[in-house]
Amino acid sequence: MRALIVDDDYYSRSFLEYILHPYAQCDAAVNGEDAVMAFQRALEENRPYTLVFMDLLMPVVDGPKALGEIRDIEKDHGVTDAARCKIIITSVLEDAEDTHNAMYLGGATSFLQKPVDEKSILTELTRLGVIAPEGDC
């Protein structure tokens, strides 16, 4: 599995990579523009990301715009809804409008409120079927 971690905060990127490294090859981007380019390149190389963790508030291109562009790239490449990558928004924002827009208008798969912890991340990945429940082989 491949994962793309998109966050302008070094600590947040490092923490997510630490949690995900037993399950996925992790790449990182510091803003939405870099994320979109990495996502496009991965599809073109036939090595798509299974999972994207994305912050909403970032410089250059913010999370909601990058999310929309990623979903457009998937459509352009003929990726079916069932095969789309799982995009988990991570944000300190508590604004219902921002989370609603990311989830329902932007096509995010789920949302985790920062600060995230290892248990909530692994629980969400299990719920999404990205990793097997603990104890399963």
Protein backbone atom coordinates (compact mmCIF):
# COMPACT_ATOMS: atom_id res chain seq x y z
CA MET A 1 0.00 0.00 0.00
CA ARG A 2 1.14 3.55 -0.73
CA ALA A 3 0.19 6.56 1.37
CA LEU A 4 0.62 10.28 0.78
CA ILE A 5 0.81 12.51 3.85
CA VAL A 6 0.00 16.15 3.10
CA ASP A 7 0.61 18.67 5.86
CA ASP A 8 2.67 21.84 6.16
CA ASP A 9 3.54 20.98 9.77
CA TYR A 10 6.68 18.83 10.06
CA TYR A 11 5.60 17.26 13.35
CA SER A 12 2.21 16.20 11.94
CA ARG A 13 3.82 14.65 8.84
CA SER A 14 6.44 12.82 10.91
CA PHE A 15 3.87 11.51 13.39
CA LEU A 16 1.59 10.17 10.65
CA GLU A 17 4.53 8.56 8.86
CA TYR A 18 5.62 6.89 12.11
CA ILE A 19 2.11 5.44 12.59
CA LEU A 20 1.68 4.36 8.96
CA HIS A 21 5.14 2.98 8.15
CA PRO A 22 4.33 -0.61 9.25
CA TYR A 23 1.40 -0.62 6.80
CA ALA A 24 2.39 1.59 3.87
CA GLN A 25 5.16 3.10 1.84
CA CYS A 26 4.79 6.76 2.80
CA ASP A 27 5.50 9.86 0.77
CA ALA A 28 5.03 13.39 2.03
CA ALA A 29 4.02 16.76 0.61
CA VAL A 30 4.13 20.13 2.38
CA ASN A 31 1.27 21.78 0.50
CA GLY A 32 -1.64 20.99 -1.77
CA GLU A 33 0.21 21.84 -4.96
CA ASP A 34 2.96 19.30 -4.20
CA ALA A 35 0.30 16.76 -3.25
CA VAL A 36 -1.56 17.13 -6.53
CA MET A 37 1.66 16.74 -8.52
CA ALA A 38 2.68 13.65 -6.52
CA PHE A 39 -0.77 12.13 -6.91
CA GLN A 40 -0.79 12.74 -10.68
CA ARG A 41 2.70 11.26 -11.05
CA ALA A 42 1.73 8.17 -9.03
CA LEU A 43 -1.23 7.46 -11.31
CA GLU A 44 0.84 8.03 -14.44
CA GLU A 45 3.47 5.58 -13.15
CA ASN A 46 0.70 3.05 -12.39
CA ARG A 47 1.66 3.17 -8.70
CA PRO A 48 -1.41 4.93 -7.27
CA TYR A 49 -1.86 5.92 -3.66
CA THR A 50 -4.31 3.86 -1.64
CA LEU A 51 -4.49 6.43 1.11
CA VAL A 52 -4.04 10.19 1.50
CA PHE A 53 -3.96 12.05 4.80
CA MET A 54 -4.54 15.75 4.12
CA ASP A 55 -4.62 18.87 6.26
CA LEU A 56 -7.15 21.54 5.27
CA LEU A 57 -5.13 24.66 6.08
CA MET A 58 -1.93 24.79 4.01
CA PRO A 59 0.02 27.35 2.01
CA VAL A 60 0.14 27.61 -1.79
CA VAL A 61 -2.88 25.35 -2.44
CA ASP A 62 -5.13 24.50 0.52
CA GLY A 63 -6.57 21.10 1.34
CA PRO A 64 -10.08 21.57 -0.11
CA LYS A 65 -8.72 22.74 -3.47
CA ALA A 66 -6.13 19.94 -3.59
CA LEU A 67 -8.82 17.40 -2.66
CA GLY A 68 -10.99 18.54 -5.55
CA GLU A 69 -8.07 18.39 -7.97
CA ILE A 70 -7.14 14.89 -6.82
CA ARG A 71 -10.70 13.67 -7.37
CA ASP A 72 -10.67 15.29 -10.85
CA ILE A 73 -7.39 13.54 -11.67
CA GLU A 74 -8.94 10.21 -10.69
CA LYS A 75 -11.90 10.88 -13.00
CA ASP A 76 -9.56 11.87 -15.84
CA HIS A 77 -7.72 8.56 -15.41
CA GLY A 78 -10.94 6.55 -15.37
CA VAL A 79 -10.68 5.53 -11.73
CA THR A 80 -14.03 4.15 -10.61
CA ASP A 81 -15.70 5.31 -7.41
CA ALA A 82 -14.97 1.93 -5.84
CA ALA A 83 -11.26 2.17 -6.71
CA ARG A 84 -10.74 5.79 -5.56
CA CYS A 85 -8.10 6.34 -2.91
CA LYS A 86 -9.22 6.89 0.65
CA ILE A 87 -8.67 10.53 1.61
CA ILE A 88 -8.71 11.27 5.32
CA ILE A 89 -8.85 14.93 6.26
CA THR A 90 -6.96 15.87 9.41
CA SER A 91 -7.55 19.36 10.74
CA VAL A 92 -7.70 21.51 13.83
CA LEU A 93 -10.75 23.22 12.34
CA GLU A 94 -13.93 22.65 14.24
CA ASP A 95 -16.06 24.64 11.81
CA ALA A 96 -18.92 22.43 10.65
CA GLU A 97 -19.03 24.22 7.30
CA ASP A 98 -15.36 23.47 6.53
CA THR A 99 -15.67 19.81 7.44
CA HIS A 100 -18.98 19.50 5.59
CA ASN A 101 -17.46 21.02 2.46
CA ALA A 102 -14.46 18.68 2.58
CA MET A 103 -16.56 15.59 3.22
CA TYR A 104 -19.59 16.07 1.03
CA LEU A 105 -18.56 18.59 -1.58
CA GLY A 106 -14.89 17.66 -1.85
CA GLY A 107 -15.18 13.91 -1.79
CA ALA A 108 -13.15 13.17 1.34
CA THR A 109 -13.58 9.67 2.73
CA SER A 110 -13.40 10.66 6.38
CA PHE A 111 -12.33 13.31 8.87
CA LEU A 112 -10.15 13.14 11.98
CA GLN A 113 -9.91 16.07 14.38
CA LYS A 114 -6.37 17.12 15.32
CA PRO A 115 -4.59 16.30 17.44
CA VAL A 116 -4.92 12.76 16.16
CA ASP A 117 -3.60 9.79 18.07
CA GLU A 118 -2.41 6.37 16.98
CA LYS A 119 -5.52 4.56 18.17
CA SER A 120 -7.94 6.82 16.27
CA ILE A 121 -5.84 6.54 13.10
CA LEU A 122 -5.67 2.74 13.22
CA THR A 123 -9.37 2.48 14.12
CA GLU A 124 -10.28 4.62 11.10
CA LEU A 125 -8.00 2.64 8.77
CA THR A 126 -9.59 -0.58 9.97
CA ARG A 127 -13.11 0.85 9.55
CA LEU A 128 -12.24 1.86 5.97
CA GLY A 129 -10.90 -1.63 5.25
CA VAL A 130 -7.40 -0.35 4.49
CA ILE A 131 -5.79 -2.49 7.21
CA ALA A 132 -6.94 -5.70 8.83
CA PRO A 133 -8.32 -5.61 12.37
CA GLU A 134 -5.65 -6.17 15.00
CA GLY A 135 -5.18 -9.87 15.64
CA ASP A 136 -6.27 -10.91 12.11
CA CYS A 137 -3.69 -12.55 9.90
